[in-house]
Amino acid sequence: MRISITNVCTALALCAIALGSTNGGAVLAASGKEAIDERVAFMRNDILKPYLAIKKFAKEDLGTAAEVEKYANLIGAKVK
């Protein structure tokens, strides 16, 4: 049976998403609604501000490349 490259890439992407979503610290101990609330709070408090700064640089050319690098590193450190 031949597996298409698209199917393999899709499977790898889903695995990466699944592995990335398991890193949540306190979220791992919570369940159900608590887990959802913790994830939303994490995304709002720790990811949104750096993401918006990077987006403004990309779309509106506001800020500096050094700020983008700083925020990208911050996001990378938070999701590990």
PDB file of N, CA and C in Angstrom:
ATOM      1  N   MET A   1       0.848  -1.171   0.000  1.00  0.00           N
ATOM      2  CA  MET A   1       0.000   0.000   0.000  1.00  0.00           C
ATOM      3  C   MET A   1       0.893   1.234   0.000  1.00  0.00           C
ATOM      4  N   ARG A   2       0.611   2.163  -0.863  1.00  0.00           N
ATOM      5  CA  ARG A   2       1.389   3.393  -0.940  1.00  0.00           C
ATOM      6  C   ARG A   2       0.689   4.472  -0.136  1.00  0.00           C
ATOM      7  N   ILE A   3       1.460   5.180   0.660  1.00  0.00           N
ATOM      8  CA  ILE A   3       0.937   6.281   1.453  1.00  0.00           C
ATOM      9  C   ILE A   3       1.395   7.572   0.799  1.00  0.00           C
ATOM     10  N   SER A   4       0.460   8.439   0.543  1.00  0.00           N
ATOM     11  CA  SER A   4       0.814   9.685  -0.134  1.00  0.00           C
ATOM     12  C   SER A   4       1.584  10.611   0.811  1.00  0.00           C
ATOM     13  N   ILE A   5       2.358  11.483   0.221  1.00  0.00           N
ATOM     14  CA  ILE A   5       3.129  12.452   0.996  1.00  0.00           C
ATOM     15  C   ILE A   5       2.202  13.353   1.793  1.00  0.00           C
ATOM     16  N   THR A   6       1.060  13.689   1.223  1.00  0.00           N
ATOM     17  CA  THR A   6       0.093  14.531   1.934  1.00  0.00           C
ATOM     18  C   THR A   6      -0.375  13.862   3.212  1.00  0.00           C
ATOM     19  N   ASN A   7      -0.661  12.557   3.142  1.00  0.00           N
ATOM     20  CA  ASN A   7      -1.114  11.836   4.332  1.00  0.00           C
ATOM     21  C   ASN A   7      -0.018  11.766   5.386  1.00  0.00           C
ATOM     22  N   VAL A   8       1.206  11.558   4.962  1.00  0.00           N
ATOM     23  CA  VAL A   8       2.316  11.494   5.907  1.00  0.00           C
ATOM     24  C   VAL A   8       2.523  12.857   6.566  1.00  0.00           C
ATOM     25  N   CYS A   9       2.493  13.923   5.780  1.00  0.00           N
ATOM     26  CA  CYS A   9       2.659  15.276   6.329  1.00  0.00           C
ATOM     27  C   CYS A   9       1.523  15.623   7.289  1.00  0.00           C
ATOM     28  N   THR A  10       0.317  15.227   6.947  1.00  0.00           N
ATOM     29  CA  THR A  10      -0.824  15.477   7.823  1.00  0.00           C
ATOM     30  C   THR A  10      -0.655  14.755   9.145  1.00  0.00           C
ATOM     31  N   ALA A  11      -0.223  13.495   9.076  1.00  0.00           N
ATOM     32  CA  ALA A  11      -0.015  12.715  10.298  1.00  0.00           C
ATOM     33  C   ALA A  11       1.073  13.340  11.162  1.00  0.00           C
ATOM     34  N   LEU A  12       2.158  13.773  10.539  1.00  0.00           N
ATOM     35  CA  LEU A  12       3.241  14.405  11.301  1.00  0.00           C
ATOM     36  C   LEU A  12       2.781  15.711  11.935  1.00  0.00           C
ATOM     37  N   ALA A  13       1.997  16.495  11.210  1.00  0.00           N
ATOM     38  CA  ALA A  13       1.489  17.753  11.759  1.00  0.00           C
ATOM     39  C   ALA A  13       0.570  17.493  12.945  1.00  0.00           C
ATOM     40  N   LEU A  14      -0.299  16.496  12.827  1.00  0.00           N
ATOM     41  CA  LEU A  14      -1.200  16.174  13.936  1.00  0.00           C
ATOM     42  C   LEU A  14      -0.427  15.684  15.161  1.00  0.00           C
ATOM     43  N   CYS A  15       0.623  14.918  14.933  1.00  0.00           N
ATOM     44  CA  CYS A  15       1.458  14.464  16.051  1.00  0.00           C
ATOM     45  C   CYS A  15       2.141  15.649  16.730  1.00  0.00           C
ATOM     46  N   ALA A  16       2.644  16.579  15.946  1.00  0.00           N
ATOM     47  CA  ALA A  16       3.304  17.754  16.520  1.00  0.00           C
ATOM     48  C   ALA A  16       2.320  18.587  17.326  1.00  0.00           C
ATOM     49  N   ILE A  17       1.112  18.732  16.815  1.00  0.00           N
ATOM     50  CA  ILE A  17       0.093  19.484  17.548  1.00  0.00           C
ATOM     51  C   ILE A  17      -0.259  18.776  18.843  1.00  0.00           C
ATOM     52  N   ALA A  18      -0.407  17.467  18.773  1.00  0.00           N
ATOM     53  CA  ALA A  18      -0.753  16.699  19.973  1.00  0.00           C
ATOM     54  C   ALA A  18       0.353  16.787  21.020  1.00  0.00           C
ATOM     55  N   LEU A  19       1.598  16.682  20.587  1.00  0.00           N
ATOM     56  CA  LEU A  19       2.708  16.778  21.537  1.00  0.00           C
ATOM     57  C   LEU A  19       2.818  18.181  22.113  1.00  0.00           C
ATOM     58  N   GLY A  20       2.615  19.187  21.294  1.00  0.00           N
ATOM     59  CA  GLY A  20       2.694  20.563  21.760  1.00  0.00           C
ATOM     60  C   GLY A  20       1.581  20.920  22.713  1.00  0.00           C
ATOM     61  N   SER A  21       0.420  20.324  22.523  1.00  0.00           N
ATOM     62  CA  SER A  21      -0.712  20.672  23.384  1.00  0.00           C
ATOM     63  C   SER A  21      -0.645  19.990  24.744  1.00  0.00           C
ATOM     64  N   THR A  22       0.255  19.015  24.904  1.00  0.00           N
ATOM     65  CA  THR A  22       0.354  18.343  26.203  1.00  0.00           C
ATOM     66  C   THR A  22       1.187  19.134  27.196  1.00  0.00           C
ATOM     67  N   ASN A  23       1.953  20.111  26.716  1.00  0.00           N
ATOM     68  CA  ASN A  23       2.755  20.928  27.625  1.00  0.00           C
ATOM     69  C   ASN A  23       1.891  22.048  28.169  1.00  0.00           C
ATOM     70  N   GLY A  24       1.500  21.926  29.422  1.00  0.00           N
ATOM     71  CA  GLY A  24       0.653  22.958  29.965  1.00  0.00           C
ATOM     72  C   GLY A  24       0.833  23.173  31.445  1.00  0.00           C
ATOM     73  N   GLY A  25       1.806  22.501  32.063  1.00  0.00           N
ATOM     74  CA  GLY A  25       2.034  22.682  33.486  1.00  0.00           C
ATOM     75  C   GLY A  25       0.816  22.339  34.306  1.00  0.00           C
ATOM     76  N   ALA A  26       0.185  23.356  34.864  1.00  0.00           N
ATOM     77  CA  ALA A  26      -0.976  23.155  35.724  1.00  0.00           C
ATOM     78  C   ALA A  26      -2.166  22.610  34.949  1.00  0.00           C
ATOM     79  N   VAL A  27      -2.173  22.815  33.642  1.00  0.00           N
ATOM     80  CA  VAL A  27      -3.289  22.332  32.844  1.00  0.00           C
ATOM     81  C   VAL A  27      -3.355  20.815  32.874  1.00  0.00           C
ATOM     82  N   LEU A  28      -2.202  20.159  32.995  1.00  0.00           N
ATOM     83  CA  LEU A  28      -2.187  18.705  33.029  1.00  0.00           C
ATOM     84  C   LEU A  28      -2.905  18.158  34.253  1.00  0.00           C
ATOM     85  N   ALA A  29      -2.869  18.873  35.356  1.00  0.00           N
ATOM     86  CA  ALA A  29      -3.500  18.411  36.581  1.00  0.00           C
ATOM     87  C   ALA A  29      -5.004  18.697  36.596  1.00  0.00           C
ATOM     88  N   ALA A  30      -5.445  19.636  35.807  1.00  0.00           N
ATOM     89  CA  ALA A  30      -6.850  20.005  35.794  1.00  0.00           C
ATOM     90  C   ALA A  30      -7.611  19.115  34.813  1.00  0.00           C
ATOM     91  N   SER A  31      -8.928  19.155  34.907  1.00  0.00           N
ATOM     92  CA  SER A  31      -9.715  18.362  33.978  1.00  0.00           C
ATOM     93  C   SER A  31     -10.932  19.146  33.526  1.00  0.00           C
ATOM     94  N   GLY A  32     -11.446  18.779  32.369  1.00  0.00           N
ATOM     95  CA  GLY A  32     -12.671  19.376  31.853  1.00  0.00           C
ATOM     96  C   GLY A  32     -12.612  20.877  31.692  1.00  0.00           C
ATOM     97  N   LYS A  33     -13.592  21.549  32.269  1.00  0.00           N
ATOM     98  CA  LYS A  33     -13.719  23.007  32.150  1.00  0.00           C
ATOM     99  C   LYS A  33     -12.511  23.727  32.723  1.00  0.00           C
ATOM    100  N   GLU A  34     -11.955  23.189  33.810  1.00  0.00           N
ATOM    101  CA  GLU A  34     -10.767  23.815  34.411  1.00  0.00           C
ATOM    102  C   GLU A  34      -9.606  23.829  33.431  1.00  0.00           C
ATOM    103  N   ALA A  35      -9.421  22.746  32.720  1.00  0.00           N
ATOM    104  CA  ALA A  35      -8.330  22.664  31.744  1.00  0.00           C
ATOM    105  C   ALA A  35      -8.527  23.685  30.627  1.00  0.00           C
ATOM    106  N   ILE A  36      -9.750  23.809  30.176  1.00  0.00           N
ATOM    107  CA  ILE A  36     -10.043  24.778  29.110  1.00  0.00           C
ATOM    108  C   ILE A  36      -9.788  26.196  29.602  1.00  0.00           C
ATOM    109  N   ASP A  37     -10.257  26.495  30.812  1.00  0.00           N
ATOM    110  CA  ASP A  37     -10.055  27.833  31.374  1.00  0.00           C
ATOM    111  C   ASP A  37      -8.571  28.145  31.560  1.00  0.00           C
ATOM    112  N   GLU A  38      -7.793  27.169  32.013  1.00  0.00           N
ATOM    113  CA  GLU A  38      -6.347  27.366  32.179  1.00  0.00           C
ATOM    114  C   GLU A  38      -5.667  27.614  30.842  1.00  0.00           C
ATOM    115  N   ARG A  39      -6.055  26.871  29.825  1.00  0.00           N
ATOM    116  CA  ARG A  39      -5.453  27.031  28.495  1.00  0.00           C
ATOM    117  C   ARG A  39      -5.799  28.403  27.920  1.00  0.00           C
ATOM    118  N   VAL A  40      -7.034  28.836  28.060  1.00  0.00           N
ATOM    119  CA  VAL A  40      -7.447  30.150  27.553  1.00  0.00           C
ATOM    120  C   VAL A  40      -6.687  31.252  28.284  1.00  0.00           C
ATOM    121  N   ALA A  41      -6.568  31.126  29.606  1.00  0.00           N
ATOM    122  CA  ALA A  41      -5.834  32.134  30.385  1.00  0.00           C
ATOM    123  C   ALA A  41      -4.368  32.164  29.963  1.00  0.00           C
ATOM    124  N   PHE A  42      -3.775  31.005  29.746  1.00  0.00           N
ATOM    125  CA  PHE A  42      -2.380  30.931  29.304  1.00  0.00           C
ATOM    126  C   PHE A  42      -2.210  31.627  27.957  1.00  0.00           C
ATOM    127  N   MET A  43      -3.111  31.350  27.029  1.00  0.00           N
ATOM    128  CA  MET A  43      -2.999  31.958  25.707  1.00  0.00           C
ATOM    129  C   MET A  43      -3.191  33.476  25.778  1.00  0.00           C
ATOM    130  N   ARG A  44      -4.150  33.933  26.576  1.00  0.00           N
ATOM    131  CA  ARG A  44      -4.396  35.382  26.690  1.00  0.00           C
ATOM    132  C   ARG A  44      -3.254  36.103  27.387  1.00  0.00           C
ATOM    133  N   ASN A  45      -2.773  35.540  28.485  1.00  0.00           N
ATOM    134  CA  ASN A  45      -1.796  36.234  29.320  1.00  0.00           C
ATOM    135  C   ASN A  45      -0.360  36.088  28.831  1.00  0.00           C
ATOM    136  N   ASP A  46      -0.023  34.923  28.287  1.00  0.00           N
ATOM    137  CA  ASP A  46       1.383  34.661  27.965  1.00  0.00           C
ATOM    138  C   ASP A  46       1.711  34.669  26.480  1.00  0.00           C
ATOM    139  N   ILE A  47       0.747  34.455  25.622  1.00  0.00           N
ATOM    140  CA  ILE A  47       1.028  34.328  24.194  1.00  0.00           C
ATOM    141  C   ILE A  47       0.495  35.505  23.380  1.00  0.00           C
ATOM    142  N   LEU A  48      -0.641  36.041  23.759  1.00  0.00           N
ATOM    143  CA  LEU A  48      -1.308  37.043  22.919  1.00  0.00           C
ATOM    144  C   LEU A  48      -0.485  38.314  22.720  1.00  0.00           C
ATOM    145  N   LYS A  49       0.066  38.882  23.787  1.00  0.00           N
ATOM    146  CA  LYS A  49       0.808  40.142  23.661  1.00  0.00           C
ATOM    147  C   LYS A  49       2.017  40.000  22.736  1.00  0.00           C
ATOM    148  N   PRO A  50       2.878  38.985  22.926  1.00  0.00           N
ATOM    149  CA  PRO A  50       3.999  38.846  21.996  1.00  0.00           C
ATOM    150  C   PRO A  50       3.543  38.563  20.561  1.00  0.00           C
ATOM    151  N   TYR A  51       2.493  37.781  20.423  1.00  0.00           N
ATOM    152  CA  TYR A  51       1.984  37.468  19.087  1.00  0.00           C
ATOM    153  C   TYR A  51       1.505  38.730  18.380  1.00  0.00           C
ATOM    154  N   LEU A  52       0.761  39.568  19.096  1.00  0.00           N
ATOM    155  CA  LEU A  52       0.258  40.801  18.478  1.00  0.00           C
ATOM    156  C   LEU A  52       1.389  41.746  18.089  1.00  0.00           C
ATOM    157  N   ALA A  53       2.456  41.777  18.885  1.00  0.00           N
ATOM    158  CA  ALA A  53       3.602  42.622  18.539  1.00  0.00           C
ATOM    159  C   ALA A  53       4.268  42.121  17.254  1.00  0.00           C
ATOM    160  N   ILE A  54       4.400  40.815  17.124  1.00  0.00           N
ATOM    161  CA  ILE A  54       4.986  40.237  15.908  1.00  0.00           C
ATOM    162  C   ILE A  54       4.069  40.494  14.719  1.00  0.00           C
ATOM    163  N   LYS A  55       2.772  40.352  14.924  1.00  0.00           N
ATOM    164  CA  LYS A  55       1.807  40.585  13.848  1.00  0.00           C
ATOM    165  C   LYS A  55       1.857  42.038  13.370  1.00  0.00           C
ATOM    166  N   LYS A  56       1.945  42.986  14.311  1.00  0.00           N
ATOM    167  CA  LYS A  56       2.022  44.399  13.923  1.00  0.00           C
ATOM    168  C   LYS A  56       3.273  44.674  13.102  1.00  0.00           C
ATOM    169  N   PHE A  57       4.388  44.031  13.464  1.00  0.00           N
ATOM    170  CA  PHE A  57       5.618  44.221  12.703  1.00  0.00           C
ATOM    171  C   PHE A  57       5.442  43.688  11.287  1.00  0.00           C
ATOM    172  N   ALA A  58       4.812  42.515  11.176  1.00  0.00           N
ATOM    173  CA  ALA A  58       4.654  41.890   9.861  1.00  0.00           C
ATOM    174  C   ALA A  58       3.650  42.633   8.989  1.00  0.00           C
ATOM    175  N   LYS A  59       2.542  43.046   9.562  1.00  0.00           N
ATOM    176  CA  LYS A  59       1.470  43.658   8.766  1.00  0.00           C
ATOM    177  C   LYS A  59       1.637  45.162   8.587  1.00  0.00           C
ATOM    178  N   GLU A  60       2.026  45.853   9.660  1.00  0.00           N
ATOM    179  CA  GLU A  60       2.033  47.316   9.632  1.00  0.00           C
ATOM    180  C   GLU A  60       3.432  47.916   9.704  1.00  0.00           C
ATOM    181  N   ASP A  61       4.445  47.070   9.771  1.00  0.00           N
ATOM    182  CA  ASP A  61       5.838  47.498   9.858  1.00  0.00           C
ATOM    183  C   ASP A  61       6.079  48.391  11.078  1.00  0.00           C
ATOM    184  N   LEU A  62       5.441  48.047  12.210  1.00  0.00           N
ATOM    185  CA  LEU A  62       5.635  48.768  13.461  1.00  0.00           C
ATOM    186  C   LEU A  62       6.574  47.964  14.355  1.00  0.00           C
ATOM    187  N   GLY A  63       7.501  48.636  15.009  1.00  0.00           N
ATOM    188  CA  GLY A  63       8.448  47.961  15.876  1.00  0.00           C
ATOM    189  C   GLY A  63       9.748  47.667  15.153  1.00  0.00           C
ATOM    190  N   THR A  64      10.606  46.910  15.836  1.00  0.00           N
ATOM    191  CA  THR A  64      11.914  46.590  15.269  1.00  0.00           C
ATOM    192  C   THR A  64      12.093  45.082  15.174  1.00  0.00           C
ATOM    193  N   ALA A  65      13.069  44.683  14.390  1.00  0.00           N
ATOM    194  CA  ALA A  65      13.377  43.260  14.258  1.00  0.00           C
ATOM    195  C   ALA A  65      13.871  42.692  15.583  1.00  0.00           C
ATOM    196  N   ALA A  66      14.541  43.506  16.380  1.00  0.00           N
ATOM    197  CA  ALA A  66      15.019  43.045  17.685  1.00  0.00           C
ATOM    198  C   ALA A  66      13.844  42.722  18.611  1.00  0.00           C
ATOM    199  N   GLU A  67      12.793  43.541  18.550  1.00  0.00           N
ATOM    200  CA  GLU A  67      11.596  43.259  19.350  1.00  0.00           C
ATOM    201  C   GLU A  67      10.927  41.969  18.890  1.00  0.00           C
ATOM    202  N   VAL A  68      10.869  41.765  17.588  1.00  0.00           N
ATOM    203  CA  VAL A  68      10.273  40.546  17.054  1.00  0.00           C
ATOM    204  C   VAL A  68      11.060  39.332  17.534  1.00  0.00           C
ATOM    205  N   GLU A  69      12.380  39.425  17.493  1.00  0.00           N
ATOM    206  CA  GLU A  69      13.217  38.318  17.965  1.00  0.00           C
ATOM    207  C   GLU A  69      12.967  38.054  19.447  1.00  0.00           C
ATOM    208  N   LYS A  70      12.888  39.117  20.237  1.00  0.00           N
ATOM    209  CA  LYS A  70      12.645  38.978  21.676  1.00  0.00           C
ATOM    210  C   LYS A  70      11.309  38.290  21.935  1.00  0.00           C
ATOM    211  N   TYR A  71      10.266  38.749  21.252  1.00  0.00           N
ATOM    212  CA  TYR A  71       8.944  38.167  21.450  1.00  0.00           C
ATOM    213  C   TYR A  71       8.868  36.738  20.922  1.00  0.00           C
ATOM    214  N   ALA A  72       9.526  36.457  19.816  1.00  0.00           N
ATOM    215  CA  ALA A  72       9.541  35.094  19.297  1.00  0.00           C
ATOM    216  C   ALA A  72      10.226  34.144  20.271  1.00  0.00           C
ATOM    217  N   ASN A  73      11.337  34.583  20.861  1.00  0.00           N
ATOM    218  CA  ASN A  73      12.019  33.768  21.876  1.00  0.00           C
ATOM    219  C   ASN A  73      11.158  33.583  23.117  1.00  0.00           C
ATOM    220  N   LEU A  74      10.429  34.627  23.482  1.00  0.00           N
ATOM    221  CA  LEU A  74       9.532  34.551  24.644  1.00  0.00           C
ATOM    222  C   LEU A  74       8.431  33.524  24.401  1.00  0.00           C
ATOM    223  N   ILE A  75       7.832  33.559  23.232  1.00  0.00           N
ATOM    224  CA  ILE A  75       6.791  32.575  22.904  1.00  0.00           C
ATOM    225  C   ILE A  75       7.393  31.179  22.893  1.00  0.00           C
ATOM    226  N   GLY A  76       8.562  31.032  22.296  1.00  0.00           N
ATOM    227  CA  GLY A  76       9.204  29.722  22.259  1.00  0.00           C
ATOM    228  C   GLY A  76       9.490  29.173  23.639  1.00  0.00           C
ATOM    229  N   ALA A  77       9.917  30.040  24.548  1.00  0.00           N
ATOM    230  CA  ALA A  77      10.201  29.596  25.916  1.00  0.00           C
ATOM    231  C   ALA A  77       8.923  29.224  26.655  1.00  0.00           C
ATOM    232  N   LYS A  78       7.828  29.930  26.396  1.00  0.00           N
ATOM    233  CA  LYS A  78       6.560  29.664  27.091  1.00  0.00           C
ATOM    234  C   LYS A  78       5.928  28.346  26.675  1.00  0.00           C
ATOM    235  N   VAL A  79       6.092  27.960  25.423  1.00  0.00           N
ATOM    236  CA  VAL A  79       5.413  26.759  24.946  1.00  0.00           C
ATOM    237  C   VAL A  79       6.219  25.485  25.137  1.00  0.00           C
ATOM    238  N   LYS A  80       7.425  25.613  25.647  1.00  0.00           N
ATOM    239  CA  LYS A  80       8.236  24.406  25.883  1.00  0.00           C
ATOM    240  C   LYS A  80       7.792  23.686  27.112  1.00  0.00           C
TER     241      LYS A  80
END
